[in-house]
Amino acid sequence: MPKLLVLVPTQLELACIESRLADALPRTEVQTEVCGFGLVAAAARTGALLHVVRAERVILVGVAGAYDERLELEAAYLFDHVGCYGIGAGSGATFQTVGELGWHHWPNEPLIGDVLPIDTHGARDATAPGQLLSCCAASDGERDAKSRLKKFPEAVAEDMEGFAVAAACRMARVPISIVRGISNRAGDRDHRNWKIESAMEAAVGLVNRVFIA
């Protein structure tokens, strides 16, 4: 049984992480898997993996776009809360979140609302100064990014899987931690500006320091 189940959204991120994980733990105690891209695939794949892989902890590792200038490009952070944007009713200025509608993502677990708490494993020095926000679609510009912050003013970075993986782990009663390397500014769709490899290198370094070394 692996001690840690390390999930990444894409094969590109998997290639970055597998060669950099520390050997402090026997390889049999760390299992790496792709959870898929976006909220739907990540939730489905994580749920399926948790049914088979009886890990003590899940760590989601990948890249994210920063809303907040305090988050440095090519640096990595742990997040202590993750929100969900895009599931609810309406769109644009009229969008209402699940919580605003008075609903829950899962009726048997009222705590799965618009924001979920995440375990930082006590590493407060590496924790981001705000929430991670998981979105159904990435911001397509600065205006789009700012509109999301009106609903989630404490968000400092954007991803597309964190909330889904966290919800699956909460249903399975497995601790979840999220580490994201900042590869770009949210809303910047020019991939020439993205620093994916160096952001992943920082993310793996943080995983090694906090969870493995």
N, C-alpha and C. Protein backbone atom coordinates (compact mmCIF):
# COMPACT_ATOMS: atom_id res chain seq x y z
N MET A 1 0.84 -1.19 0.00
CA MET A 1 0.00 0.00 0.00
C MET A 1 0.88 1.24 0.00
N PRO A 2 0.74 2.15 -0.99
CA PRO A 2 1.57 3.35 -1.02
C PRO A 2 1.21 4.31 0.10
N LYS A 3 2.22 4.93 0.65
CA LYS A 3 1.98 5.94 1.68
C LYS A 3 1.39 7.20 1.07
N LEU A 4 1.89 7.56 -0.11
CA LEU A 4 1.43 8.76 -0.80
C LEU A 4 0.94 8.41 -2.20
N LEU A 5 -0.21 8.96 -2.57
CA LEU A 5 -0.68 8.90 -3.94
C LEU A 5 -0.53 10.30 -4.50
N VAL A 6 0.41 10.47 -5.43
CA VAL A 6 0.69 11.77 -6.02
C VAL A 6 -0.02 11.86 -7.37
N LEU A 7 -0.91 12.82 -7.49
CA LEU A 7 -1.70 12.99 -8.70
C LEU A 7 -1.26 14.23 -9.46
N VAL A 8 -1.22 14.12 -10.78
CA VAL A 8 -0.95 15.26 -11.65
C VAL A 8 -2.00 15.27 -12.75
N PRO A 9 -2.37 16.44 -13.26
CA PRO A 9 -3.44 16.49 -14.26
C PRO A 9 -3.08 15.94 -15.63
N THR A 10 -1.84 16.09 -16.07
CA THR A 10 -1.49 15.76 -17.45
C THR A 10 -0.22 14.91 -17.54
N GLN A 11 -0.03 14.30 -18.69
CA GLN A 11 1.18 13.53 -18.94
C GLN A 11 2.42 14.41 -18.93
N LEU A 12 2.28 15.65 -19.37
CA LEU A 12 3.41 16.58 -19.35
C LEU A 12 3.88 16.82 -17.92
N GLU A 13 2.93 17.04 -17.02
CA GLU A 13 3.29 17.24 -15.62
C GLU A 13 3.83 15.97 -14.99
N LEU A 14 3.30 14.82 -15.42
CA LEU A 14 3.81 13.55 -14.91
C LEU A 14 5.28 13.36 -15.29
N ALA A 15 5.61 13.68 -16.54
CA ALA A 15 7.00 13.54 -16.98
C ALA A 15 7.92 14.45 -16.17
N CYS A 16 7.43 15.63 -15.79
CA CYS A 16 8.24 16.55 -14.99
C CYS A 16 8.46 16.03 -13.58
N ILE A 17 7.46 15.36 -13.02
CA ILE A 17 7.53 15.00 -11.61
C ILE A 17 8.24 13.67 -11.37
N GLU A 18 8.07 12.70 -12.25
CA GLU A 18 8.59 11.37 -11.97
C GLU A 18 10.10 11.34 -11.87
N SER A 19 10.77 12.17 -12.63
CA SER A 19 12.24 12.17 -12.61
C SER A 19 12.81 13.00 -11.47
N ARG A 20 11.94 13.71 -10.72
CA ARG A 20 12.44 14.64 -9.71
C ARG A 20 12.03 14.28 -8.29
N LEU A 21 11.13 13.33 -8.11
CA LEU A 21 10.74 12.96 -6.75
C LEU A 21 11.94 12.37 -6.01
N ALA A 22 12.09 12.76 -4.77
CA ALA A 22 13.22 12.28 -3.97
C ALA A 22 13.10 10.79 -3.70
N ASP A 23 14.23 10.15 -3.42
CA ASP A 23 14.27 8.72 -3.12
C ASP A 23 14.30 8.47 -1.62
N ALA A 24 13.84 9.45 -0.83
CA ALA A 24 13.87 9.29 0.62
C ALA A 24 12.95 8.17 1.09
N LEU A 25 11.86 7.96 0.35
CA LEU A 25 10.94 6.85 0.65
C LEU A 25 11.13 5.76 -0.39
N PRO A 26 10.94 4.50 -0.02
CA PRO A 26 10.96 3.44 -1.02
C PRO A 26 9.93 3.72 -2.11
N ARG A 27 10.27 3.41 -3.33
CA ARG A 27 9.38 3.71 -4.44
C ARG A 27 8.01 3.06 -4.27
N THR A 28 7.96 1.94 -3.54
CA THR A 28 6.67 1.28 -3.33
C THR A 28 5.74 2.10 -2.44
N GLU A 29 6.29 3.13 -1.76
CA GLU A 29 5.47 3.94 -0.87
C GLU A 29 4.97 5.22 -1.52
N VAL A 30 5.37 5.49 -2.76
CA VAL A 30 4.90 6.65 -3.49
C VAL A 30 4.41 6.19 -4.85
N GLN A 31 3.15 6.44 -5.13
CA GLN A 31 2.58 6.07 -6.43
C GLN A 31 2.14 7.34 -7.14
N THR A 32 2.58 7.51 -8.38
CA THR A 32 2.20 8.68 -9.18
C THR A 32 1.21 8.27 -10.25
N GLU A 33 0.18 9.10 -10.44
CA GLU A 33 -0.85 8.81 -11.42
C GLU A 33 -1.34 10.11 -12.05
N VAL A 34 -1.84 10.02 -13.27
CA VAL A 34 -2.51 11.14 -13.93
C VAL A 34 -3.98 11.12 -13.52
N CYS A 35 -4.48 12.26 -13.02
CA CYS A 35 -5.89 12.32 -12.63
C CYS A 35 -6.77 12.89 -13.73
N GLY A 36 -6.14 13.50 -14.74
CA GLY A 36 -6.92 14.05 -15.85
C GLY A 36 -7.06 15.55 -15.77
N PHE A 37 -7.43 16.13 -16.89
CA PHE A 37 -7.51 17.59 -17.07
C PHE A 37 -8.93 18.07 -16.82
N GLY A 38 -9.08 19.04 -15.94
CA GLY A 38 -10.39 19.62 -15.70
C GLY A 38 -11.15 18.95 -14.56
N LEU A 39 -12.23 19.62 -14.13
CA LEU A 39 -12.98 19.17 -12.96
C LEU A 39 -13.63 17.80 -13.15
N VAL A 40 -14.16 17.53 -14.32
CA VAL A 40 -14.91 16.28 -14.52
C VAL A 40 -13.98 15.07 -14.50
N ALA A 41 -12.95 15.10 -15.36
CA ALA A 41 -12.03 13.97 -15.43
C ALA A 41 -11.30 13.77 -14.11
N ALA A 42 -10.89 14.87 -13.47
CA ALA A 42 -10.13 14.76 -12.22
C ALA A 42 -10.97 14.12 -11.12
N ALA A 43 -12.24 14.50 -11.03
CA ALA A 43 -13.11 13.91 -10.00
C ALA A 43 -13.34 12.43 -10.25
N ALA A 44 -13.63 12.08 -11.51
CA ALA A 44 -13.92 10.69 -11.83
C ALA A 44 -12.69 9.81 -11.63
N ARG A 45 -11.56 10.25 -12.11
CA ARG A 45 -10.33 9.43 -12.00
C ARG A 45 -9.86 9.32 -10.56
N THR A 46 -9.94 10.41 -9.80
CA THR A 46 -9.52 10.36 -8.41
C THR A 46 -10.39 9.40 -7.61
N GLY A 47 -11.70 9.48 -7.82
CA GLY A 47 -12.60 8.57 -7.13
C GLY A 47 -12.30 7.12 -7.44
N ALA A 48 -12.02 6.83 -8.72
CA ALA A 48 -11.69 5.45 -9.11
C ALA A 48 -10.38 4.99 -8.49
N LEU A 49 -9.38 5.87 -8.48
CA LEU A 49 -8.08 5.51 -7.90
C LEU A 49 -8.19 5.26 -6.40
N LEU A 50 -8.94 6.08 -5.70
CA LEU A 50 -9.07 5.92 -4.26
C LEU A 50 -9.76 4.62 -3.88
N HIS A 51 -10.56 4.10 -4.78
CA HIS A 51 -11.22 2.82 -4.54
C HIS A 51 -10.23 1.67 -4.60
N VAL A 52 -9.18 1.84 -5.40
CA VAL A 52 -8.20 0.77 -5.62
C VAL A 52 -6.92 0.98 -4.81
N VAL A 53 -6.44 2.23 -4.78
CA VAL A 53 -5.18 2.56 -4.13
C VAL A 53 -5.48 3.05 -2.71
N ARG A 54 -5.14 2.28 -1.72
CA ARG A 54 -5.44 2.63 -0.32
C ARG A 54 -4.30 3.46 0.26
N ALA A 55 -4.15 4.68 -0.24
CA ALA A 55 -3.07 5.55 0.20
C ALA A 55 -3.43 6.25 1.50
N GLU A 56 -2.41 6.64 2.25
CA GLU A 56 -2.62 7.38 3.48
C GLU A 56 -2.89 8.85 3.21
N ARG A 57 -2.39 9.35 2.10
CA ARG A 57 -2.55 10.76 1.75
C ARG A 57 -2.49 10.93 0.24
N VAL A 58 -3.25 11.88 -0.26
CA VAL A 58 -3.19 12.28 -1.67
C VAL A 58 -2.55 13.65 -1.76
N ILE A 59 -1.65 13.80 -2.73
CA ILE A 59 -1.06 15.11 -3.02
C ILE A 59 -1.31 15.41 -4.49
N LEU A 60 -2.03 16.49 -4.76
CA LEU A 60 -2.22 16.95 -6.13
C LEU A 60 -1.12 17.95 -6.45
N VAL A 61 -0.39 17.69 -7.53
CA VAL A 61 0.75 18.53 -7.92
C VAL A 61 0.57 18.96 -9.37
N GLY A 62 0.80 20.23 -9.64
CA GLY A 62 0.69 20.71 -11.01
C GLY A 62 1.00 22.19 -11.08
N VAL A 63 0.63 22.79 -12.21
CA VAL A 63 0.87 24.22 -12.40
C VAL A 63 -0.44 24.98 -12.22
N ALA A 64 -0.32 26.28 -12.02
CA ALA A 64 -1.48 27.15 -11.85
C ALA A 64 -1.14 28.54 -12.37
N GLY A 65 -2.19 29.29 -12.65
CA GLY A 65 -2.03 30.70 -13.02
C GLY A 65 -2.31 31.58 -11.82
N ALA A 66 -1.51 32.60 -11.62
CA ALA A 66 -1.63 33.48 -10.45
C ALA A 66 -2.52 34.67 -10.75
N TYR A 67 -3.46 34.95 -9.84
CA TYR A 67 -4.21 36.20 -9.86
C TYR A 67 -3.42 37.29 -9.14
N ASP A 68 -2.74 36.90 -8.09
CA ASP A 68 -2.12 37.83 -7.14
C ASP A 68 -0.64 37.99 -7.44
N GLU A 69 -0.19 39.24 -7.47
CA GLU A 69 1.22 39.52 -7.75
C GLU A 69 2.15 39.02 -6.66
N ARG A 70 1.60 38.73 -5.48
CA ARG A 70 2.45 38.21 -4.40
C ARG A 70 2.95 36.81 -4.71
N LEU A 71 2.27 36.10 -5.60
CA LEU A 71 2.71 34.76 -6.00
C LEU A 71 3.71 34.90 -7.15
N GLU A 72 4.90 34.43 -6.93
CA GLU A 72 5.96 34.58 -7.91
C GLU A 72 5.88 33.51 -8.99
N LEU A 73 6.16 33.90 -10.21
CA LEU A 73 6.29 32.92 -11.28
C LEU A 73 7.47 32.00 -10.97
N GLU A 74 7.32 30.73 -11.32
CA GLU A 74 8.35 29.71 -11.14
C GLU A 74 8.57 29.38 -9.66
N ALA A 75 7.62 29.77 -8.79
CA ALA A 75 7.65 29.39 -7.38
C ALA A 75 6.46 28.47 -7.11
N ALA A 76 6.52 27.72 -6.01
CA ALA A 76 5.46 26.76 -5.69
C ALA A 76 4.87 27.06 -4.32
N TYR A 77 3.60 26.71 -4.16
CA TYR A 77 2.89 27.01 -2.92
C TYR A 77 1.94 25.87 -2.56
N LEU A 78 1.75 25.70 -1.26
CA LEU A 78 0.67 24.88 -0.73
C LEU A 78 -0.56 25.77 -0.57
N PHE A 79 -1.74 25.18 -0.68
CA PHE A 79 -2.98 25.94 -0.51
C PHE A 79 -3.79 25.32 0.62
N ASP A 80 -4.36 26.21 1.46
CA ASP A 80 -5.14 25.70 2.59
C ASP A 80 -6.65 25.72 2.34
N HIS A 81 -7.07 26.32 1.23
CA HIS A 81 -8.48 26.29 0.82
C HIS A 81 -8.55 26.27 -0.70
N VAL A 82 -9.58 25.62 -1.23
CA VAL A 82 -9.80 25.61 -2.68
C VAL A 82 -11.28 25.86 -2.94
N GLY A 83 -11.56 26.77 -3.86
CA GLY A 83 -12.93 27.10 -4.23
C GLY A 83 -13.29 26.54 -5.59
N CYS A 84 -14.55 26.65 -5.95
CA CYS A 84 -15.04 26.14 -7.23
C CYS A 84 -15.82 27.22 -7.96
N TYR A 85 -15.38 27.54 -9.17
CA TYR A 85 -16.04 28.55 -9.99
C TYR A 85 -16.51 27.91 -11.30
N GLY A 86 -17.78 28.14 -11.65
CA GLY A 86 -18.28 27.68 -12.94
C GLY A 86 -19.40 26.68 -12.84
N ILE A 87 -19.61 26.11 -11.66
CA ILE A 87 -20.73 25.20 -11.44
C ILE A 87 -21.78 25.95 -10.63
N GLY A 88 -22.97 26.06 -11.17
CA GLY A 88 -24.03 26.81 -10.52
C GLY A 88 -25.09 27.19 -11.54
N ALA A 89 -25.38 28.49 -11.64
CA ALA A 89 -26.38 28.96 -12.59
C ALA A 89 -25.94 30.29 -13.19
N GLY A 90 -26.26 30.49 -14.46
CA GLY A 90 -25.93 31.73 -15.13
C GLY A 90 -24.50 31.77 -15.62
N SER A 91 -24.11 32.91 -16.15
CA SER A 91 -22.75 33.09 -16.64
C SER A 91 -22.39 34.57 -16.55
N GLY A 92 -21.10 34.84 -16.60
CA GLY A 92 -20.65 36.22 -16.54
C GLY A 92 -21.09 36.92 -15.27
N ALA A 93 -21.64 38.13 -15.42
CA ALA A 93 -22.04 38.93 -14.26
C ALA A 93 -23.21 38.34 -13.50
N THR A 94 -23.98 37.45 -14.15
CA THR A 94 -25.15 36.86 -13.49
C THR A 94 -24.87 35.50 -12.86
N PHE A 95 -23.62 35.04 -12.95
CA PHE A 95 -23.29 33.71 -12.42
C PHE A 95 -23.54 33.63 -10.92
N GLN A 96 -24.16 32.53 -10.48
CA GLN A 96 -24.36 32.25 -9.07
C GLN A 96 -23.72 30.91 -8.75
N THR A 97 -22.97 30.87 -7.67
CA THR A 97 -22.31 29.64 -7.26
C THR A 97 -23.32 28.67 -6.66
N VAL A 98 -22.87 27.44 -6.45
CA VAL A 98 -23.71 26.43 -5.82
C VAL A 98 -24.17 26.90 -4.45
N GLY A 99 -23.26 27.46 -3.68
CA GLY A 99 -23.60 27.94 -2.33
C GLY A 99 -24.59 29.07 -2.35
N GLU A 100 -24.44 29.99 -3.30
CA GLU A 100 -25.37 31.11 -3.41
C GLU A 100 -26.78 30.64 -3.75
N LEU A 101 -26.87 29.52 -4.43
CA LEU A 101 -28.17 28.95 -4.76
C LEU A 101 -28.76 28.16 -3.61
N GLY A 102 -27.98 27.97 -2.56
CA GLY A 102 -28.45 27.20 -1.41
C GLY A 102 -28.33 25.70 -1.59
N TRP A 103 -27.46 25.29 -2.50
CA TRP A 103 -27.28 23.87 -2.79
C TRP A 103 -25.94 23.39 -2.23
N HIS A 104 -25.69 22.07 -2.42
CA HIS A 104 -24.42 21.45 -2.08
C HIS A 104 -23.97 20.61 -3.27
N HIS A 105 -22.65 20.49 -3.46
CA HIS A 105 -22.14 19.65 -4.54
C HIS A 105 -22.47 18.18 -4.30
N TRP A 106 -22.57 17.80 -3.03
CA TRP A 106 -22.89 16.41 -2.67
C TRP A 106 -23.80 16.46 -1.45
N PRO A 107 -25.06 16.02 -1.58
CA PRO A 107 -26.04 16.21 -0.50
C PRO A 107 -25.70 15.50 0.80
N ASN A 108 -24.92 14.43 0.73
CA ASN A 108 -24.55 13.70 1.94
C ASN A 108 -23.36 14.30 2.66
N GLU A 109 -22.79 15.35 2.11
CA GLU A 109 -21.62 15.99 2.70
C GLU A 109 -21.76 17.51 2.57
N PRO A 110 -22.51 18.12 3.49
CA PRO A 110 -22.76 19.57 3.39
C PRO A 110 -21.49 20.42 3.38
N LEU A 111 -20.39 19.88 3.91
CA LEU A 111 -19.15 20.65 3.94
C LEU A 111 -18.56 20.86 2.55
N ILE A 112 -19.03 20.10 1.57
CA ILE A 112 -18.56 20.32 0.20
C ILE A 112 -19.40 21.45 -0.40
N GLY A 113 -19.08 22.67 0.01
CA GLY A 113 -19.73 23.86 -0.50
C GLY A 113 -18.87 24.53 -1.55
N ASP A 114 -18.91 25.86 -1.59
CA ASP A 114 -18.13 26.57 -2.61
C ASP A 114 -16.64 26.56 -2.32
N VAL A 115 -16.25 26.35 -1.05
CA VAL A 115 -14.84 26.34 -0.67
C VAL A 115 -14.57 25.17 0.26
N LEU A 116 -13.47 24.45 0.00
CA LEU A 116 -13.09 23.31 0.83
C LEU A 116 -11.75 23.59 1.52
N PRO A 117 -11.60 23.20 2.78
CA PRO A 117 -10.30 23.31 3.45
C PRO A 117 -9.34 22.23 2.95
N ILE A 118 -8.07 22.56 2.91
CA ILE A 118 -7.02 21.65 2.42
C ILE A 118 -5.93 21.56 3.47
N ASP A 119 -5.37 20.38 3.65
CA ASP A 119 -4.32 20.14 4.63
C ASP A 119 -2.97 20.61 4.09
N THR A 120 -2.32 21.50 4.83
CA THR A 120 -0.99 21.98 4.41
C THR A 120 0.14 21.24 5.10
N HIS A 121 -0.18 20.22 5.88
CA HIS A 121 0.83 19.39 6.54
C HIS A 121 1.70 20.22 7.48
N GLY A 122 1.16 21.31 7.97
CA GLY A 122 1.90 22.14 8.92
C GLY A 122 2.94 23.06 8.33
N ALA A 123 3.05 23.09 7.00
CA ALA A 123 4.09 23.90 6.36
C ALA A 123 3.58 25.31 6.08
N ARG A 124 3.39 26.08 7.14
CA ARG A 124 2.83 27.41 6.97
C ARG A 124 3.73 28.33 6.17
N ASP A 125 5.05 28.10 6.22
CA ASP A 125 5.97 28.96 5.49
C ASP A 125 5.82 28.83 3.99
N ALA A 126 5.23 27.74 3.54
CA ALA A 126 5.07 27.50 2.10
C ALA A 126 3.63 27.69 1.64
N THR A 127 2.76 28.14 2.54
CA THR A 127 1.34 28.25 2.21
C THR A 127 1.05 29.58 1.51
N ALA A 128 0.28 29.52 0.45
CA ALA A 128 -0.07 30.72 -0.32
C ALA A 128 -0.93 31.66 0.52
N PRO A 129 -0.87 32.96 0.25
CA PRO A 129 -1.62 33.95 1.04
C PRO A 129 -3.08 34.08 0.61
N GLY A 130 -3.71 32.98 0.27
CA GLY A 130 -5.10 33.02 -0.16
C GLY A 130 -5.52 31.70 -0.77
N GLN A 131 -6.73 31.67 -1.30
CA GLN A 131 -7.33 30.45 -1.82
C GLN A 131 -6.84 30.12 -3.23
N LEU A 132 -6.90 28.84 -3.54
CA LEU A 132 -6.82 28.35 -4.90
C LEU A 132 -8.25 28.29 -5.43
N LEU A 133 -8.46 28.68 -6.68
CA LEU A 133 -9.79 28.64 -7.27
C LEU A 133 -9.79 27.71 -8.47
N SER A 134 -10.59 26.65 -8.40
CA SER A 134 -10.69 25.69 -9.50
C SER A 134 -11.84 26.11 -10.42
N CYS A 135 -11.54 26.23 -11.69
CA CYS A 135 -12.50 26.76 -12.67
C CYS A 135 -12.80 25.72 -13.75
N CYS A 136 -14.04 25.78 -14.26
CA CYS A 136 -14.41 24.87 -15.35
C CYS A 136 -13.66 25.22 -16.62
N ALA A 137 -13.34 26.49 -16.81
CA ALA A 137 -12.55 26.94 -17.95
C ALA A 137 -11.57 27.99 -17.48
N ALA A 138 -10.38 27.98 -18.04
CA ALA A 138 -9.36 28.94 -17.63
C ALA A 138 -9.75 30.36 -18.04
N SER A 139 -9.29 31.34 -17.28
CA SER A 139 -9.52 32.74 -17.62
C SER A 139 -8.93 33.05 -19.00
N ASP A 140 -9.67 33.80 -19.81
CA ASP A 140 -9.17 34.10 -21.16
C ASP A 140 -8.64 35.52 -21.30
N GLY A 141 -8.48 36.19 -20.18
CA GLY A 141 -7.94 37.54 -20.19
C GLY A 141 -8.03 38.16 -18.82
N GLU A 142 -7.45 39.34 -18.67
CA GLU A 142 -7.42 40.01 -17.37
C GLU A 142 -8.84 40.33 -16.89
N ARG A 143 -9.70 40.75 -17.79
CA ARG A 143 -11.08 41.09 -17.41
C ARG A 143 -11.81 39.87 -16.88
N ASP A 144 -11.62 38.75 -17.54
CA ASP A 144 -12.26 37.50 -17.10
C ASP A 144 -11.75 37.08 -15.73
N ALA A 145 -10.45 37.20 -15.54
CA ALA A 145 -9.87 36.83 -14.25
C ALA A 145 -10.42 37.71 -13.13
N LYS A 146 -10.53 39.01 -13.38
CA LYS A 146 -11.04 39.92 -12.36
C LYS A 146 -12.49 39.63 -12.02
N SER A 147 -13.27 39.17 -12.99
CA SER A 147 -14.68 38.88 -12.73
C SER A 147 -14.82 37.71 -11.75
N ARG A 148 -13.89 36.78 -11.79
CA ARG A 148 -13.92 35.65 -10.88
C ARG A 148 -13.58 36.07 -9.46
N LEU A 149 -12.71 37.04 -9.35
CA LEU A 149 -12.31 37.53 -8.03
C LEU A 149 -13.44 38.27 -7.33
N LYS A 150 -14.43 38.74 -8.07
CA LYS A 150 -15.59 39.37 -7.44
C LYS A 150 -16.39 38.35 -6.64
N LYS A 151 -16.39 37.10 -7.10
CA LYS A 151 -17.08 36.02 -6.39
C LYS A 151 -16.18 35.41 -5.31
N PHE A 152 -14.88 35.36 -5.59
CA PHE A 152 -13.93 34.74 -4.66
C PHE A 152 -12.78 35.70 -4.42
N PRO A 153 -13.01 36.75 -3.63
CA PRO A 153 -11.98 37.79 -3.45
C PRO A 153 -10.72 37.30 -2.75
N GLU A 154 -10.78 36.15 -2.08
CA GLU A 154 -9.59 35.62 -1.40
C GLU A 154 -8.75 34.72 -2.31
N ALA A 155 -9.19 34.49 -3.53
CA ALA A 155 -8.44 33.64 -4.46
C ALA A 155 -7.16 34.34 -4.91
N VAL A 156 -6.08 33.59 -4.97
CA VAL A 156 -4.80 34.14 -5.43
C VAL A 156 -4.26 33.39 -6.63
N ALA A 157 -4.85 32.24 -6.95
CA ALA A 157 -4.39 31.45 -8.10
C ALA A 157 -5.54 30.61 -8.64
N GLU A 158 -5.37 30.18 -9.87
CA GLU A 158 -6.42 29.46 -10.59
C GLU A 158 -5.89 28.14 -11.14
N ASP A 159 -6.68 27.07 -10.92
CA ASP A 159 -6.38 25.80 -11.57
C ASP A 159 -7.69 25.22 -12.09
N MET A 160 -7.67 23.94 -12.51
CA MET A 160 -8.88 23.34 -13.07
C MET A 160 -9.17 21.95 -12.48
N GLU A 161 -8.43 21.56 -11.43
CA GLU A 161 -8.64 20.23 -10.86
C GLU A 161 -8.73 20.18 -9.34
N GLY A 162 -8.19 21.17 -8.65
CA GLY A 162 -8.03 21.08 -7.20
C GLY A 162 -9.31 20.77 -6.44
N PHE A 163 -10.39 21.49 -6.74
CA PHE A 163 -11.65 21.28 -6.03
C PHE A 163 -12.18 19.88 -6.27
N ALA A 164 -12.06 19.39 -7.49
CA ALA A 164 -12.56 18.06 -7.83
C ALA A 164 -11.82 16.97 -7.06
N VAL A 165 -10.50 17.06 -7.02
CA VAL A 165 -9.70 16.07 -6.30
C VAL A 165 -9.98 16.16 -4.80
N ALA A 166 -10.12 17.39 -4.29
CA ALA A 166 -10.40 17.57 -2.86
C ALA A 166 -11.76 17.00 -2.49
N ALA A 167 -12.77 17.18 -3.34
CA ALA A 167 -14.10 16.65 -3.06
C ALA A 167 -14.09 15.12 -3.05
N ALA A 168 -13.38 14.52 -4.01
CA ALA A 168 -13.29 13.06 -4.06
C ALA A 168 -12.60 12.52 -2.81
N CYS A 169 -11.55 13.21 -2.37
CA CYS A 169 -10.83 12.78 -1.17
C CYS A 169 -11.68 12.93 0.09
N ARG A 170 -12.45 14.00 0.16
CA ARG A 170 -13.31 14.19 1.33
C ARG A 170 -14.36 13.08 1.40
N MET A 171 -14.92 12.71 0.26
CA MET A 171 -15.91 11.62 0.24
C MET A 171 -15.29 10.31 0.69
N ALA A 172 -14.00 10.11 0.34
CA ALA A 172 -13.31 8.87 0.69
C ALA A 172 -12.62 8.93 2.05
N ARG A 173 -12.68 10.11 2.71
CA ARG A 173 -12.04 10.32 4.01
C ARG A 173 -10.53 10.10 3.95
N VAL A 174 -9.92 10.63 2.90
CA VAL A 174 -8.47 10.56 2.72
C VAL A 174 -7.92 11.99 2.75
N PRO A 175 -6.89 12.28 3.56
CA PRO A 175 -6.31 13.63 3.59
C PRO A 175 -5.78 14.04 2.22
N ILE A 176 -5.98 15.30 1.88
CA ILE A 176 -5.55 15.82 0.59
C ILE A 176 -4.74 17.09 0.79
N SER A 177 -3.63 17.19 0.07
CA SER A 177 -2.82 18.41 0.02
C SER A 177 -2.66 18.81 -1.44
N ILE A 178 -2.56 20.10 -1.67
CA ILE A 178 -2.41 20.61 -3.04
C ILE A 178 -1.17 21.49 -3.13
N VAL A 179 -0.30 21.15 -4.06
CA VAL A 179 0.90 21.94 -4.35
C VAL A 179 0.82 22.39 -5.80
N ARG A 180 0.91 23.67 -6.01
CA ARG A 180 0.88 24.21 -7.37
C ARG A 180 2.08 25.11 -7.61
N GLY A 181 2.75 24.87 -8.75
CA GLY A 181 3.80 25.76 -9.20
C GLY A 181 3.19 26.83 -10.09
N ILE A 182 3.60 28.07 -9.94
CA ILE A 182 3.01 29.18 -10.69
C ILE A 182 3.75 29.30 -12.04
N SER A 183 3.05 28.96 -13.09
CA SER A 183 3.65 28.96 -14.42
C SER A 183 3.33 30.21 -15.23
N ASN A 184 2.28 30.94 -14.85
CA ASN A 184 1.83 32.09 -15.64
C ASN A 184 0.89 32.96 -14.82
N ARG A 185 0.54 34.09 -15.36
CA ARG A 185 -0.48 34.94 -14.77
C ARG A 185 -1.84 34.52 -15.33
N ALA A 186 -2.82 34.38 -14.47
CA ALA A 186 -4.14 33.97 -14.91
C ALA A 186 -4.67 34.94 -15.96
N GLY A 187 -5.17 34.38 -17.04
CA GLY A 187 -5.67 35.18 -18.14
C GLY A 187 -4.69 35.33 -19.29
N ASP A 188 -3.43 35.04 -19.06
CA ASP A 188 -2.42 35.11 -20.12
C ASP A 188 -2.48 33.81 -20.93
N ARG A 189 -3.00 33.88 -22.12
CA ARG A 189 -3.15 32.68 -22.96
C ARG A 189 -1.97 32.49 -23.92
N ASP A 190 -0.97 33.32 -23.85
CA ASP A 190 0.21 33.17 -24.71
C ASP A 190 1.17 32.19 -24.03
N HIS A 191 1.20 30.96 -24.51
CA HIS A 191 2.01 29.92 -23.87
C HIS A 191 3.50 30.21 -23.94
N ARG A 192 3.90 31.13 -24.79
CA ARG A 192 5.32 31.49 -24.83
C ARG A 192 5.77 32.15 -23.53
N ASN A 193 4.82 32.67 -22.78
CA ASN A 193 5.13 33.31 -21.50
C ASN A 193 5.08 32.33 -20.33
N TRP A 194 4.60 31.14 -20.57
CA TRP A 194 4.41 30.17 -19.49
C TRP A 194 5.73 29.49 -19.13
N LYS A 195 5.92 29.24 -17.85
CA LYS A 195 7.13 28.61 -17.33
C LYS A 195 6.76 27.27 -16.69
N ILE A 196 6.28 26.34 -17.50
CA ILE A 196 5.73 25.10 -16.96
C ILE A 196 6.81 24.24 -16.31
N GLU A 197 7.92 24.02 -16.99
CA GLU A 197 8.93 23.11 -16.46
C GLU A 197 9.54 23.63 -15.16
N SER A 198 9.86 24.91 -15.12
CA SER A 198 10.46 25.46 -13.90
C SER A 198 9.43 25.54 -12.78
N ALA A 199 8.17 25.78 -13.11
CA ALA A 199 7.13 25.78 -12.09
C ALA A 199 6.94 24.38 -11.51
N MET A 200 6.99 23.37 -12.36
CA MET A 200 6.88 21.99 -11.88
C MET A 200 8.09 21.59 -11.06
N GLU A 201 9.26 22.08 -11.45
CA GLU A 201 10.46 21.78 -10.68
C GLU A 201 10.33 22.35 -9.27
N ALA A 202 9.80 23.56 -9.16
CA ALA A 202 9.58 24.15 -7.84
C ALA A 202 8.53 23.37 -7.05
N ALA A 203 7.48 22.91 -7.73
CA ALA A 203 6.42 22.16 -7.06
C ALA A 203 6.95 20.84 -6.51
N VAL A 204 7.74 20.14 -7.30
CA VAL A 204 8.30 18.87 -6.84
C VAL A 204 9.27 19.10 -5.68
N GLY A 205 10.04 20.16 -5.77
CA GLY A 205 10.94 20.48 -4.67
C GLY A 205 10.19 20.71 -3.37
N LEU A 206 9.03 21.35 -3.45
CA LEU A 206 8.22 21.58 -2.26
C LEU A 206 7.63 20.28 -1.73
N VAL A 207 7.19 19.41 -2.63
CA VAL A 207 6.69 18.09 -2.21
C VAL A 207 7.79 17.31 -1.50
N ASN A 208 8.97 17.30 -2.08
CA ASN A 208 10.09 16.59 -1.45
C ASN A 208 10.38 17.13 -0.06
N ARG A 209 10.41 18.45 0.08
CA ARG A 209 10.76 19.06 1.37
C ARG A 209 9.72 18.82 2.44
N VAL A 210 8.44 18.94 2.07
CA VAL A 210 7.37 18.90 3.07
C VAL A 210 6.88 17.47 3.35
N PHE A 211 6.80 16.64 2.32
CA PHE A 211 6.14 15.35 2.49
C PHE A 211 7.04 14.13 2.44
N ILE A 212 8.23 14.28 1.86
CA ILE A 212 9.05 13.09 1.65
C ILE A 212 10.38 13.14 2.40
N ALA A 213 11.10 14.25 2.30
CA ALA A 213 12.43 14.32 2.91
C ALA A 213 12.38 14.15 4.42
